[in-house]
Amino acid sequence: MSAQTEGTEPSILQQHLDRFVAYLRYEKGASPYTVKNYSTEIQEFIDFAAGEDAADWAAINVPLIRRYLLWLSSRNLAQASVARRLSELRSFAQYLMRNGDIAQNPFRMVSLPRLPERLPRYLEYPEVLAMLHVPDITTPAGLRDRAILEVMYASGIRVSEVVGLNVGDYEREDARLRVWGKGAKERIAFLGEPACRALDAYLAEGRPRLLAAAHRAAATDALFVNRFGLRLSSRSVDNLVREAARAAGITRRVTPHVLRHTFATHLLNGGADLRFIQEMLGHSDISTTQVYTHVSQERLREVYLRAHPRAHANNTNAGPAQGAQPTHVAR
């Protein structure tokens, strides 16, 4: 990971990065993907700073940081990628402040790039139903695939959480799953009766047949297994969702995360409290969940434009709906 030349003493910035990566890996329990991103992209800043003769924190100032952001933009990186790098550097410096290594966080003196608002994509309920009925439940793989789709829509859990489930995490009596989310945090995910029935059928017939065919009976605790009797991968679930959407006649791109967005949006449209949705999604910050209120407002606007007689410019002469009586105001 370190970029110093062999035989030379690493800079203080490099030493601090090595400690921060160890903290992410061993104390925070961050995923290998997260650790790799933080390590690579903060290292990129340290290398840039070294090229500017900035080898310690005294030289890390606002002009240097702005030059770095301009350099990133000159490489045609998306604004979201630039913002992510600055956010990672803020977290890095915040960790060092908590440990007394630096007195202030210079990255907080620079504003994050403004990003265009992107509303999460979601499916309509008939589209979800069509996807759920794609798997052939006369086969063990079909029983598994139906169970996975039902669980994802019923609970909104992440694809990494789906493949991380063990058999013991399913609590049938309470219709719920014990899920290990980001940062190794445990939470409860609730299931409806259709999802429970799909899981029951898979556990009774599909999983035993998959394990028997692979000669791996009782060889794994994984809830969802592949044809080799091993834990199913995130890529396999991603392929399953894409293929089910295509077979259901959905032409736009559908991913496991779209199912997660669909779960949250349907709950909100059904009247669920935003705080409860935050807990069910495993969001640590309510601001992450609030994006779904924008989706719901867009839906309300569509209903308004479709239903109100004076919502459009070409309807300015429209009167009340047929059969409606005029209202007389008392004087």
C-alpha atoms as a PDB file:
ATOM      1  CA  MET A   1       0.000   0.000   0.000  1.00  0.00           C
ATOM      2  CA  SER A   2       2.722   2.475   0.943  1.00  0.00           C
ATOM      3  CA  ALA A   3       4.319   4.390  -1.901  1.00  0.00           C
ATOM      4  CA  GLN A   4       7.683   5.260  -0.308  1.00  0.00           C
ATOM      5  CA  THR A   5      10.899   4.084  -1.918  1.00  0.00           C
ATOM      6  CA  GLU A   6      12.422   0.960  -0.411  1.00  0.00           C
ATOM      7  CA  GLY A   7      14.856   1.815   2.386  1.00  0.00           C
ATOM      8  CA  THR A   8      13.413   5.281   3.082  1.00  0.00           C
ATOM      9  CA  GLU A   9      11.478   6.300   6.182  1.00  0.00           C
ATOM     10  CA  PRO A  10       7.744   6.682   5.430  1.00  0.00           C
ATOM     11  CA  SER A  11       6.385  10.205   5.832  1.00  0.00           C
ATOM     12  CA  ILE A  12       4.172  11.067   8.784  1.00  0.00           C
ATOM     13  CA  LEU A  13       1.183  11.135   6.415  1.00  0.00           C
ATOM     14  CA  GLN A  14       2.034   7.617   5.262  1.00  0.00           C
ATOM     15  CA  GLN A  15       2.406   6.363   8.842  1.00  0.00           C
ATOM     16  CA  HIS A  16      -0.941   7.864   9.738  1.00  0.00           C
ATOM     17  CA  LEU A  17      -2.597   6.235   6.725  1.00  0.00           C
ATOM     18  CA  ASP A  18      -1.205   2.823   7.695  1.00  0.00           C
ATOM     19  CA  ARG A  19      -2.717   3.237  11.171  1.00  0.00           C
ATOM     20  CA  PHE A  20      -6.050   4.430   9.777  1.00  0.00           C
ATOM     21  CA  VAL A  21      -6.303   1.432   7.436  1.00  0.00           C
ATOM     22  CA  ALA A  22      -5.583  -0.915  10.342  1.00  0.00           C
ATOM     23  CA  TYR A  23      -8.320   0.862  12.335  1.00  0.00           C
ATOM     24  CA  LEU A  24     -10.838   0.396   9.498  1.00  0.00           C
ATOM     25  CA  ARG A  25      -9.947  -3.256   9.069  1.00  0.00           C
ATOM     26  CA  TYR A  26      -9.639  -4.457  12.664  1.00  0.00           C
ATOM     27  CA  GLU A  27     -11.676  -2.049  14.813  1.00  0.00           C
ATOM     28  CA  LYS A  28     -14.431  -0.835  12.498  1.00  0.00           C
ATOM     29  CA  GLY A  29     -14.786  -4.188  10.730  1.00  0.00           C
ATOM     30  CA  ALA A  30     -15.080  -2.444   7.363  1.00  0.00           C
ATOM     31  CA  SER A  31     -15.478  -4.629   4.280  1.00  0.00           C
ATOM     32  CA  PRO A  32     -12.383  -5.432   2.172  1.00  0.00           C
ATOM     33  CA  TYR A  33     -13.908  -3.318  -0.616  1.00  0.00           C
ATOM     34  CA  THR A  34     -14.203  -0.277   1.689  1.00  0.00           C
ATOM     35  CA  VAL A  35     -10.693  -0.738   3.085  1.00  0.00           C
ATOM     36  CA  LYS A  36      -9.246  -0.985  -0.426  1.00  0.00           C
ATOM     37  CA  ASN A  37     -11.053   2.169  -1.595  1.00  0.00           C
ATOM     38  CA  TYR A  38      -9.969   4.251   1.395  1.00  0.00           C
ATOM     39  CA  SER A  39      -6.401   2.963   1.194  1.00  0.00           C
ATOM     40  CA  THR A  40      -6.003   3.547  -2.550  1.00  0.00           C
ATOM     41  CA  GLU A  41      -7.692   6.937  -2.728  1.00  0.00           C
ATOM     42  CA  ILE A  42      -6.112   8.485   0.385  1.00  0.00           C
ATOM     43  CA  GLN A  43      -2.757   7.182  -0.859  1.00  0.00           C
ATOM     44  CA  GLU A  44      -3.477   9.061  -4.083  1.00  0.00           C
ATOM     45  CA  PHE A  45      -3.754  12.317  -2.106  1.00  0.00           C
ATOM     46  CA  ILE A  46      -0.561  11.579  -0.159  1.00  0.00           C
ATOM     47  CA  ASP A  47       1.314  10.992  -3.421  1.00  0.00           C
ATOM     48  CA  PHE A  48      -0.093  14.245  -4.821  1.00  0.00           C
ATOM     49  CA  ALA A  49       0.933  16.114  -1.662  1.00  0.00           C
ATOM     50  CA  ALA A  50       4.460  14.656  -1.890  1.00  0.00           C
ATOM     51  CA  GLY A  51       4.686  16.021  -5.432  1.00  0.00           C
ATOM     52  CA  GLU A  52       3.853  19.422  -3.963  1.00  0.00           C
ATOM     53  CA  ASP A  53       6.603  19.037  -1.316  1.00  0.00           C
ATOM     54  CA  ALA A  54       3.990  18.536   1.421  1.00  0.00           C
ATOM     55  CA  ALA A  55       5.153  15.663   3.612  1.00  0.00           C
ATOM     56  CA  ASP A  56       3.530  16.592   6.937  1.00  0.00           C
ATOM     57  CA  TRP A  57       0.296  18.079   8.233  1.00  0.00           C
ATOM     58  CA  ALA A  58       1.693  21.595   8.547  1.00  0.00           C
ATOM     59  CA  ALA A  59       1.806  21.755   4.742  1.00  0.00           C
ATOM     60  CA  ILE A  60      -1.753  20.456   4.214  1.00  0.00           C
ATOM     61  CA  ASN A  61      -3.797  23.612   3.711  1.00  0.00           C
ATOM     62  CA  VAL A  62      -6.816  24.839   1.769  1.00  0.00           C
ATOM     63  CA  PRO A  63      -4.893  25.928  -1.379  1.00  0.00           C
ATOM     64  CA  LEU A  64      -3.207  22.507  -1.590  1.00  0.00           C
ATOM     65  CA  ILE A  65      -6.507  20.670  -1.152  1.00  0.00           C
ATOM     66  CA  ARG A  66      -8.170  22.805  -3.833  1.00  0.00           C
ATOM     67  CA  ARG A  67      -5.312  22.108  -6.230  1.00  0.00           C
ATOM     68  CA  TYR A  68      -5.820  18.402  -5.552  1.00  0.00           C
ATOM     69  CA  LEU A  69      -9.554  18.648  -6.308  1.00  0.00           C
ATOM     70  CA  LEU A  70      -8.798  20.548  -9.524  1.00  0.00           C
ATOM     71  CA  TRP A  71      -6.311  17.854 -10.477  1.00  0.00           C
ATOM     72  CA  LEU A  72      -8.970  15.192  -9.916  1.00  0.00           C
ATOM     73  CA  SER A  73     -11.446  17.131 -12.072  1.00  0.00           C
ATOM     74  CA  SER A  74      -8.831  17.493 -14.828  1.00  0.00           C
ATOM     75  CA  ARG A  75      -8.804  13.680 -15.062  1.00  0.00           C
ATOM     76  CA  ASN A  76     -12.504  13.802 -16.000  1.00  0.00           C
ATOM     77  CA  LEU A  77     -13.602  12.123 -12.775  1.00  0.00           C
ATOM     78  CA  ALA A  78     -17.303  12.402 -12.023  1.00  0.00           C
ATOM     79  CA  GLN A  79     -18.249  14.926  -9.354  1.00  0.00           C
ATOM     80  CA  ALA A  80     -19.467  12.041  -7.193  1.00  0.00           C
ATOM     81  CA  SER A  81     -15.982  10.478  -7.308  1.00  0.00           C
ATOM     82  CA  VAL A  82     -14.338  13.777  -6.364  1.00  0.00           C
ATOM     83  CA  ALA A  83     -16.811  14.238  -3.497  1.00  0.00           C
ATOM     84  CA  ARG A  84     -16.182  10.680  -2.278  1.00  0.00           C
ATOM     85  CA  ARG A  85     -12.421  11.263  -2.108  1.00  0.00           C
ATOM     86  CA  LEU A  86     -12.838  14.468  -0.106  1.00  0.00           C
ATOM     87  CA  SER A  87     -15.260  12.692   2.236  1.00  0.00           C
ATOM     88  CA  GLU A  88     -12.715   9.884   2.774  1.00  0.00           C
ATOM     89  CA  LEU A  89      -9.994  12.431   3.552  1.00  0.00           C
ATOM     90  CA  ARG A  90     -12.306  14.124   6.060  1.00  0.00           C
ATOM     91  CA  SER A  91     -12.864  10.789   7.814  1.00  0.00           C
ATOM     92  CA  PHE A  92      -9.110  10.117   7.810  1.00  0.00           C
ATOM     93  CA  ALA A  93      -8.313  13.483   9.442  1.00  0.00           C
ATOM     94  CA  GLN A  94     -11.238  13.124  11.880  1.00  0.00           C
ATOM     95  CA  TYR A  95      -9.776   9.814  13.094  1.00  0.00           C
ATOM     96  CA  LEU A  96      -6.398  11.495  13.649  1.00  0.00           C
ATOM     97  CA  MET A  97      -8.034  14.362  15.557  1.00  0.00           C
ATOM     98  CA  ARG A  98      -9.772  11.912  17.905  1.00  0.00           C
ATOM     99  CA  ASN A  99      -6.409  10.303  18.576  1.00  0.00           C
ATOM    100  CA  GLY A 100      -4.693  13.638  19.237  1.00  0.00           C
ATOM    101  CA  ASP A 101      -2.377  13.419  16.207  1.00  0.00           C
ATOM    102  CA  ILE A 102      -3.572  16.680  14.623  1.00  0.00           C
ATOM    103  CA  ALA A 103      -5.347  19.731  16.044  1.00  0.00           C
ATOM    104  CA  GLN A 104      -7.793  20.463  13.213  1.00  0.00           C
ATOM    105  CA  ASN A 105      -9.322  18.874  10.130  1.00  0.00           C
ATOM    106  CA  PRO A 106      -8.111  20.863   7.082  1.00  0.00           C
ATOM    107  CA  PHE A 107     -10.426  18.972   4.730  1.00  0.00           C
ATOM    108  CA  ARG A 108     -13.482  20.417   6.474  1.00  0.00           C
ATOM    109  CA  MET A 109     -12.393  23.888   5.356  1.00  0.00           C
ATOM    110  CA  VAL A 110     -13.219  22.921   1.745  1.00  0.00           C
ATOM    111  CA  SER A 111     -16.820  22.390   0.647  1.00  0.00           C
ATOM    112  CA  LEU A 112     -17.890  19.147  -0.974  1.00  0.00           C
ATOM    113  CA  PRO A 113     -18.717  19.509  -4.683  1.00  0.00           C
ATOM    114  CA  ARG A 114     -22.426  20.010  -5.306  1.00  0.00           C
ATOM    115  CA  LEU A 115     -23.898  16.839  -6.768  1.00  0.00           C
ATOM    116  CA  PRO A 116     -26.955  16.594  -8.992  1.00  0.00           C
ATOM    117  CA  GLU A 117     -29.829  15.030  -7.074  1.00  0.00           C
ATOM    118  CA  ARG A 118     -30.477  11.484  -8.235  1.00  0.00           C
ATOM    119  CA  LEU A 119     -33.667   9.863  -7.075  1.00  0.00           C
ATOM    120  CA  PRO A 120     -33.422   6.121  -6.419  1.00  0.00           C
ATOM    121  CA  ARG A 121     -34.992   3.899  -9.049  1.00  0.00           C
ATOM    122  CA  TYR A 122     -37.725   1.541  -7.907  1.00  0.00           C
ATOM    123  CA  LEU A 123     -40.261  -0.906  -9.306  1.00  0.00           C
ATOM    124  CA  GLU A 124     -44.025  -0.795  -9.324  1.00  0.00           C
ATOM    125  CA  TYR A 125     -45.716  -3.590  -7.372  1.00  0.00           C
ATOM    126  CA  PRO A 126     -46.985  -5.460 -10.494  1.00  0.00           C
ATOM    127  CA  GLU A 127     -43.388  -5.509 -11.767  1.00  0.00           C
ATOM    128  CA  VAL A 128     -42.208  -7.035  -8.476  1.00  0.00           C
ATOM    129  CA  LEU A 129     -44.930  -9.689  -8.684  1.00  0.00           C
ATOM    130  CA  ALA A 130     -43.880 -10.550 -12.224  1.00  0.00           C
ATOM    131  CA  MET A 131     -40.272 -11.011 -11.092  1.00  0.00           C
ATOM    132  CA  LEU A 132     -41.277 -13.181  -8.131  1.00  0.00           C
ATOM    133  CA  HIS A 133     -43.063 -15.605 -10.451  1.00  0.00           C
ATOM    134  CA  VAL A 134     -40.137 -16.038 -12.853  1.00  0.00           C
ATOM    135  CA  PRO A 135     -38.208 -18.826 -11.001  1.00  0.00           C
ATOM    136  CA  ASP A 136     -39.253 -22.407 -11.788  1.00  0.00           C
ATOM    137  CA  ILE A 137     -40.106 -23.716  -8.316  1.00  0.00           C
ATOM    138  CA  THR A 138     -40.198 -27.326  -9.529  1.00  0.00           C
ATOM    139  CA  THR A 139     -36.370 -27.222  -9.391  1.00  0.00           C
ATOM    140  CA  PRO A 140     -34.107 -26.761  -6.329  1.00  0.00           C
ATOM    141  CA  ALA A 141     -32.413 -23.728  -7.908  1.00  0.00           C
ATOM    142  CA  GLY A 142     -35.825 -22.240  -8.671  1.00  0.00           C
ATOM    143  CA  LEU A 143     -36.944 -22.716  -5.058  1.00  0.00           C
ATOM    144  CA  ARG A 144     -33.768 -20.938  -3.937  1.00  0.00           C
ATOM    145  CA  ASP A 145     -34.184 -18.091  -6.422  1.00  0.00           C
ATOM    146  CA  ARG A 146     -37.838 -17.517  -5.466  1.00  0.00           C
ATOM    147  CA  ALA A 147     -36.813 -17.427  -1.789  1.00  0.00           C
ATOM    148  CA  ILE A 148     -34.035 -14.908  -2.482  1.00  0.00           C
ATOM    149  CA  LEU A 149     -36.313 -12.564  -4.433  1.00  0.00           C
ATOM    150  CA  GLU A 150     -39.056 -12.817  -1.803  1.00  0.00           C
ATOM    151  CA  VAL A 151     -36.589 -12.129   1.022  1.00  0.00           C
ATOM    152  CA  MET A 152     -35.021  -9.128  -0.711  1.00  0.00           C
ATOM    153  CA  TYR A 153     -38.350  -7.481  -1.443  1.00  0.00           C
ATOM    154  CA  ALA A 154     -39.838  -8.346   1.961  1.00  0.00           C
ATOM    155  CA  SER A 155     -36.887  -7.112   4.031  1.00  0.00           C
ATOM    156  CA  GLY A 156     -34.905  -4.621   1.942  1.00  0.00           C
ATOM    157  CA  ILE A 157     -31.590  -6.145   3.005  1.00  0.00           C
ATOM    158  CA  ARG A 158     -28.429  -5.569   0.988  1.00  0.00           C
ATOM    159  CA  VAL A 159     -27.099  -8.187  -1.411  1.00  0.00           C
ATOM    160  CA  SER A 160     -24.021  -8.647   0.819  1.00  0.00           C
ATOM    161  CA  GLU A 161     -26.369  -9.329   3.731  1.00  0.00           C
ATOM    162  CA  VAL A 162     -28.373 -11.847   1.704  1.00  0.00           C
ATOM    163  CA  VAL A 163     -25.342 -13.951   0.818  1.00  0.00           C
ATOM    164  CA  GLY A 164     -23.985 -13.627   4.366  1.00  0.00           C
ATOM    165  CA  LEU A 165     -27.070 -15.251   5.921  1.00  0.00           C
ATOM    166  CA  ASN A 166     -26.708 -18.575   7.710  1.00  0.00           C
ATOM    167  CA  VAL A 167     -29.480 -21.114   8.295  1.00  0.00           C
ATOM    168  CA  GLY A 168     -29.573 -20.203  11.996  1.00  0.00           C
ATOM    169  CA  ASP A 169     -30.290 -16.561  11.169  1.00  0.00           C
ATOM    170  CA  TYR A 170     -33.823 -17.437  10.041  1.00  0.00           C
ATOM    171  CA  GLU A 171     -36.277 -17.338  12.955  1.00  0.00           C
ATOM    172  CA  ARG A 172     -39.454 -18.830  11.524  1.00  0.00           C
ATOM    173  CA  GLU A 173     -41.608 -18.433  14.624  1.00  0.00           C
ATOM    174  CA  ASP A 174     -41.081 -14.673  14.656  1.00  0.00           C
ATOM    175  CA  ALA A 175     -40.951 -14.359  10.839  1.00  0.00           C
ATOM    176  CA  ARG A 176     -37.620 -12.549  10.838  1.00  0.00           C
ATOM    177  CA  LEU A 177     -33.926 -12.713  10.000  1.00  0.00           C
ATOM    178  CA  ARG A 178     -30.879 -11.762  12.038  1.00  0.00           C
ATOM    179  CA  VAL A 179     -28.740  -9.720   9.640  1.00  0.00           C
ATOM    180  CA  TRP A 180     -25.136  -8.569   9.910  1.00  0.00           C
ATOM    181  CA  GLY A 181     -24.864  -5.188   8.199  1.00  0.00           C
ATOM    182  CA  LYS A 182     -22.140  -2.629   7.598  1.00  0.00           C
ATOM    183  CA  GLY A 183     -19.578  -2.287  10.362  1.00  0.00           C
ATOM    184  CA  ALA A 184     -20.499  -5.770  11.661  1.00  0.00           C
ATOM    185  CA  LYS A 185     -23.716  -4.372  13.170  1.00  0.00           C
ATOM    186  CA  GLU A 186     -26.538  -6.808  13.831  1.00  0.00           C
ATOM    187  CA  ARG A 187     -30.154  -5.890  13.165  1.00  0.00           C
ATOM    188  CA  ILE A 188     -33.480  -7.639  12.705  1.00  0.00           C
ATOM    189  CA  ALA A 189     -35.146  -7.860   9.281  1.00  0.00           C
ATOM    190  CA  PHE A 190     -38.833  -8.723   9.170  1.00  0.00           C
ATOM    191  CA  LEU A 191     -40.484 -11.050   6.671  1.00  0.00           C
ATOM    192  CA  GLY A 192     -44.023 -11.385   5.403  1.00  0.00           C
ATOM    193  CA  GLU A 193     -45.788 -14.721   5.154  1.00  0.00           C
ATOM    194  CA  PRO A 194     -45.071 -15.181   1.398  1.00  0.00           C
ATOM    195  CA  ALA A 195     -41.332 -14.779   2.035  1.00  0.00           C
ATOM    196  CA  CYS A 196     -41.506 -17.244   4.935  1.00  0.00           C
ATOM    197  CA  ARG A 197     -43.353 -19.808   2.809  1.00  0.00           C
ATOM    198  CA  ALA A 198     -40.753 -19.439   0.058  1.00  0.00           C
ATOM    199  CA  LEU A 199     -37.925 -19.896   2.578  1.00  0.00           C
ATOM    200  CA  ASP A 200     -39.661 -22.900   4.143  1.00  0.00           C
ATOM    201  CA  ALA A 201     -40.028 -24.590   0.755  1.00  0.00           C
ATOM    202  CA  TYR A 202     -36.397 -23.895  -0.105  1.00  0.00           C
ATOM    203  CA  LEU A 203     -35.132 -25.214   3.241  1.00  0.00           C
ATOM    204  CA  ALA A 204     -37.354 -28.300   3.053  1.00  0.00           C
ATOM    205  CA  GLU A 205     -36.607 -29.269  -0.545  1.00  0.00           C
ATOM    206  CA  GLY A 206     -34.339 -26.934  -2.487  1.00  0.00           C
ATOM    207  CA  ARG A 207     -31.317 -26.597  -0.195  1.00  0.00           C
ATOM    208  CA  PRO A 208     -31.082 -30.309   0.735  1.00  0.00           C
ATOM    209  CA  ARG A 209     -31.227 -31.289  -2.947  1.00  0.00           C
ATOM    210  CA  LEU A 210     -28.565 -28.751  -3.914  1.00  0.00           C
ATOM    211  CA  LEU A 211     -26.262 -30.028  -1.158  1.00  0.00           C
ATOM    212  CA  ALA A 212     -26.959 -33.673  -1.972  1.00  0.00           C
ATOM    213  CA  ALA A 213     -26.219 -33.132  -5.659  1.00  0.00           C
ATOM    214  CA  ALA A 214     -22.910 -31.529  -4.703  1.00  0.00           C
ATOM    215  CA  HIS A 215     -22.172 -34.278  -2.109  1.00  0.00           C
ATOM    216  CA  ARG A 216     -21.849 -31.589   0.562  1.00  0.00           C
ATOM    217  CA  ALA A 217     -24.625 -32.424   3.002  1.00  0.00           C
ATOM    218  CA  ALA A 218     -24.186 -30.350   6.181  1.00  0.00           C
ATOM    219  CA  ALA A 219     -20.886 -28.997   4.869  1.00  0.00           C
ATOM    220  CA  THR A 220     -21.879 -25.335   5.190  1.00  0.00           C
ATOM    221  CA  ASP A 221     -24.013 -23.108   7.409  1.00  0.00           C
ATOM    222  CA  ALA A 222     -24.789 -20.798   4.486  1.00  0.00           C
ATOM    223  CA  LEU A 223     -28.500 -20.256   3.949  1.00  0.00           C
ATOM    224  CA  PHE A 224     -28.254 -19.804   0.190  1.00  0.00           C
ATOM    225  CA  VAL A 225     -25.965 -22.216  -1.651  1.00  0.00           C
ATOM    226  CA  ASN A 226     -24.979 -22.738  -5.274  1.00  0.00           C
ATOM    227  CA  ARG A 227     -24.905 -25.945  -7.325  1.00  0.00           C
ATOM    228  CA  PHE A 228     -21.524 -26.807  -5.811  1.00  0.00           C
ATOM    229  CA  GLY A 229     -22.973 -26.681  -2.303  1.00  0.00           C
ATOM    230  CA  LEU A 230     -21.019 -23.521  -1.462  1.00  0.00           C
ATOM    231  CA  ARG A 231     -22.217 -20.131  -0.258  1.00  0.00           C
ATOM    232  CA  LEU A 232     -23.845 -18.171  -3.070  1.00  0.00           C
ATOM    233  CA  SER A 233     -21.886 -15.101  -4.216  1.00  0.00           C
ATOM    234  CA  SER A 234     -23.097 -11.495  -4.556  1.00  0.00           C
ATOM    235  CA  ARG A 235     -22.424 -11.716  -8.299  1.00  0.00           C
ATOM    236  CA  SER A 236     -24.753 -14.714  -8.580  1.00  0.00           C
ATOM    237  CA  VAL A 237     -27.562 -12.828  -6.816  1.00  0.00           C
ATOM    238  CA  ASP A 238     -26.947  -9.807  -9.033  1.00  0.00           C
ATOM    239  CA  ASN A 239     -27.278 -12.035 -12.128  1.00  0.00           C
ATOM    240  CA  LEU A 240     -30.417 -13.633 -10.706  1.00  0.00           C
ATOM    241  CA  VAL A 241     -32.109 -10.247 -10.218  1.00  0.00           C
ATOM    242  CA  ARG A 242     -31.145  -8.995 -13.684  1.00  0.00           C
ATOM    243  CA  GLU A 243     -32.343 -12.169 -15.414  1.00  0.00           C
ATOM    244  CA  ALA A 244     -35.608 -12.261 -13.448  1.00  0.00           C
ATOM    245  CA  ALA A 245     -36.324  -8.641 -14.415  1.00  0.00           C
ATOM    246  CA  ARG A 246     -35.584  -9.363 -18.063  1.00  0.00           C
ATOM    247  CA  ALA A 247     -37.806 -12.449 -18.042  1.00  0.00           C
ATOM    248  CA  ALA A 248     -40.566 -10.404 -16.381  1.00  0.00           C
ATOM    249  CA  GLY A 249     -40.504  -7.990 -19.313  1.00  0.00           C
ATOM    250  CA  ILE A 250     -38.884  -5.091 -17.456  1.00  0.00           C
ATOM    251  CA  THR A 251     -36.736  -3.230 -19.964  1.00  0.00           C
ATOM    252  CA  ARG A 252     -34.835  -0.903 -17.618  1.00  0.00           C
ATOM    253  CA  ARG A 253     -31.841  -2.052 -15.571  1.00  0.00           C
ATOM    254  CA  VAL A 254     -32.763  -3.762 -12.298  1.00  0.00           C
ATOM    255  CA  THR A 255     -30.190  -4.589  -9.611  1.00  0.00           C
ATOM    256  CA  PRO A 256     -30.431  -5.919  -6.041  1.00  0.00           C
ATOM    257  CA  HIS A 257     -30.168  -2.309  -4.847  1.00  0.00           C
ATOM    258  CA  VAL A 258     -33.216  -1.396  -6.928  1.00  0.00           C
ATOM    259  CA  LEU A 259     -35.150  -4.031  -4.962  1.00  0.00           C
ATOM    260  CA  ARG A 260     -33.895  -2.394  -1.752  1.00  0.00           C
ATOM    261  CA  HIS A 261     -35.088   1.008  -3.016  1.00  0.00           C
ATOM    262  CA  THR A 262     -38.406  -0.582  -3.970  1.00  0.00           C
ATOM    263  CA  PHE A 263     -38.868  -2.003  -0.467  1.00  0.00           C
ATOM    264  CA  ALA A 264     -38.294   1.425   1.122  1.00  0.00           C
ATOM    265  CA  THR A 265     -40.412   3.349  -1.380  1.00  0.00           C
ATOM    266  CA  HIS A 266     -43.370   0.989  -1.075  1.00  0.00           C
ATOM    267  CA  LEU A 267     -43.222   1.189   2.727  1.00  0.00           C
ATOM    268  CA  LEU A 268     -43.172   4.985   2.641  1.00  0.00           C
ATOM    269  CA  ASN A 269     -46.024   5.147   0.133  1.00  0.00           C
ATOM    270  CA  GLY A 270     -47.938   2.794   2.406  1.00  0.00           C
ATOM    271  CA  GLY A 271     -47.607   5.174   5.347  1.00  0.00           C
ATOM    272  CA  ALA A 272     -44.604   3.770   7.242  1.00  0.00           C
ATOM    273  CA  ASP A 273     -42.693   6.207   9.463  1.00  0.00           C
ATOM    274  CA  LEU A 274     -39.330   7.318   8.051  1.00  0.00           C
ATOM    275  CA  ARG A 275     -37.539   6.448  11.309  1.00  0.00           C
ATOM    276  CA  PHE A 276     -38.810   2.866  11.146  1.00  0.00           C
ATOM    277  CA  ILE A 277     -37.652   2.587   7.540  1.00  0.00           C
ATOM    278  CA  GLN A 278     -34.235   3.891   8.614  1.00  0.00           C
ATOM    279  CA  GLU A 279     -33.998   1.100  11.215  1.00  0.00           C
ATOM    280  CA  MET A 280     -35.105  -1.577   8.755  1.00  0.00           C
ATOM    281  CA  LEU A 281     -32.586  -0.452   6.128  1.00  0.00           C
ATOM    282  CA  GLY A 282     -29.765  -0.267   8.678  1.00  0.00           C
ATOM    283  CA  HIS A 283     -28.974   3.382   7.904  1.00  0.00           C
ATOM    284  CA  SER A 284     -26.918   5.056  10.626  1.00  0.00           C
ATOM    285  CA  ASP A 285     -28.035   8.546   9.499  1.00  0.00           C
ATOM    286  CA  ILE A 286     -31.636   9.580   8.804  1.00  0.00           C
ATOM    287  CA  SER A 287     -30.436  11.854   5.978  1.00  0.00           C
ATOM    288  CA  THR A 288     -29.574   8.732   3.958  1.00  0.00           C
ATOM    289  CA  THR A 289     -33.169   7.537   4.276  1.00  0.00           C
ATOM    290  CA  GLN A 290     -34.750  10.919   3.507  1.00  0.00           C
ATOM    291  CA  VAL A 291     -34.064  10.511  -0.223  1.00  0.00           C
ATOM    292  CA  TYR A 292     -37.141   8.266  -0.309  1.00  0.00           C
ATOM    293  CA  THR A 293     -39.383  11.167   0.700  1.00  0.00           C
ATOM    294  CA  HIS A 294     -38.448  12.825  -2.597  1.00  0.00           C
ATOM    295  CA  VAL A 295     -39.550   9.694  -4.446  1.00  0.00           C
ATOM    296  CA  SER A 296     -42.861   9.738  -2.598  1.00  0.00           C
ATOM    297  CA  GLN A 297     -43.361  13.439  -3.356  1.00  0.00           C
ATOM    298  CA  GLU A 298     -42.725  12.778  -7.055  1.00  0.00           C
ATOM    299  CA  ARG A 299     -45.404  10.088  -6.940  1.00  0.00           C
ATOM    300  CA  LEU A 300     -47.841  12.488  -5.219  1.00  0.00           C
ATOM    301  CA  ARG A 301     -47.162  15.078  -7.916  1.00  0.00           C
ATOM    302  CA  GLU A 302     -47.939  12.525 -10.647  1.00  0.00           C
ATOM    303  CA  VAL A 303     -51.257  11.709  -8.953  1.00  0.00           C
ATOM    304  CA  TYR A 304     -52.072  15.406  -8.593  1.00  0.00           C
ATOM    305  CA  LEU A 305     -51.309  16.202 -12.233  1.00  0.00           C
ATOM    306  CA  ARG A 306     -53.378  13.250 -13.394  1.00  0.00           C
ATOM    307  CA  ALA A 307     -56.370  13.843 -11.097  1.00  0.00           C
ATOM    308  CA  HIS A 308     -56.846  17.573 -10.575  1.00  0.00           C
ATOM    309  CA  PRO A 309     -59.017  19.282 -13.216  1.00  0.00           C
ATOM    310  CA  ARG A 310     -56.983  22.508 -13.155  1.00  0.00           C
ATOM    311  CA  ALA A 311     -53.473  21.041 -12.844  1.00  0.00           C
ATOM    312  CA  HIS A 312     -52.584  21.724 -16.498  1.00  0.00           C
ATOM    313  CA  ALA A 313     -52.514  24.920 -18.498  1.00  0.00           C
ATOM    314  CA  ASN A 314     -54.887  23.515 -21.143  1.00  0.00           C
ATOM    315  CA  ASN A 315     -57.486  22.765 -18.480  1.00  0.00           C
ATOM    316  CA  THR A 316     -57.940  26.333 -17.249  1.00  0.00           C
ATOM    317  CA  ASN A 317     -61.586  26.361 -18.350  1.00  0.00           C
ATOM    318  CA  ALA A 318     -62.411  23.020 -16.819  1.00  0.00           C
ATOM    319  CA  GLY A 319     -65.108  23.092 -14.192  1.00  0.00           C
ATOM    320  CA  PRO A 320     -65.633  20.755 -11.265  1.00  0.00           C
ATOM    321  CA  ALA A 321     -65.838  17.027 -11.921  1.00  0.00           C
ATOM    322  CA  GLN A 322     -69.119  15.786 -13.361  1.00  0.00           C
ATOM    323  CA  GLY A 323     -71.769  15.471 -10.706  1.00  0.00           C
ATOM    324  CA  ALA A 324     -70.045  17.831  -8.262  1.00  0.00           C
ATOM    325  CA  GLN A 325     -72.214  20.560  -6.751  1.00  0.00           C
ATOM    326  CA  PRO A 326     -71.058  24.208  -6.553  1.00  0.00           C
ATOM    327  CA  THR A 327     -70.164  25.425  -3.133  1.00  0.00           C
ATOM    328  CA  HIS A 328     -71.962  28.576  -1.932  1.00  0.00           C
ATOM    329  CA  VAL A 329     -70.106  30.801   0.472  1.00  0.00           C
ATOM    330  CA  ALA A 330     -72.232  32.433   3.147  1.00  0.00           C
ATOM    331  CA  ARG A 331     -72.011  36.204   3.168  1.00  0.00           C
END
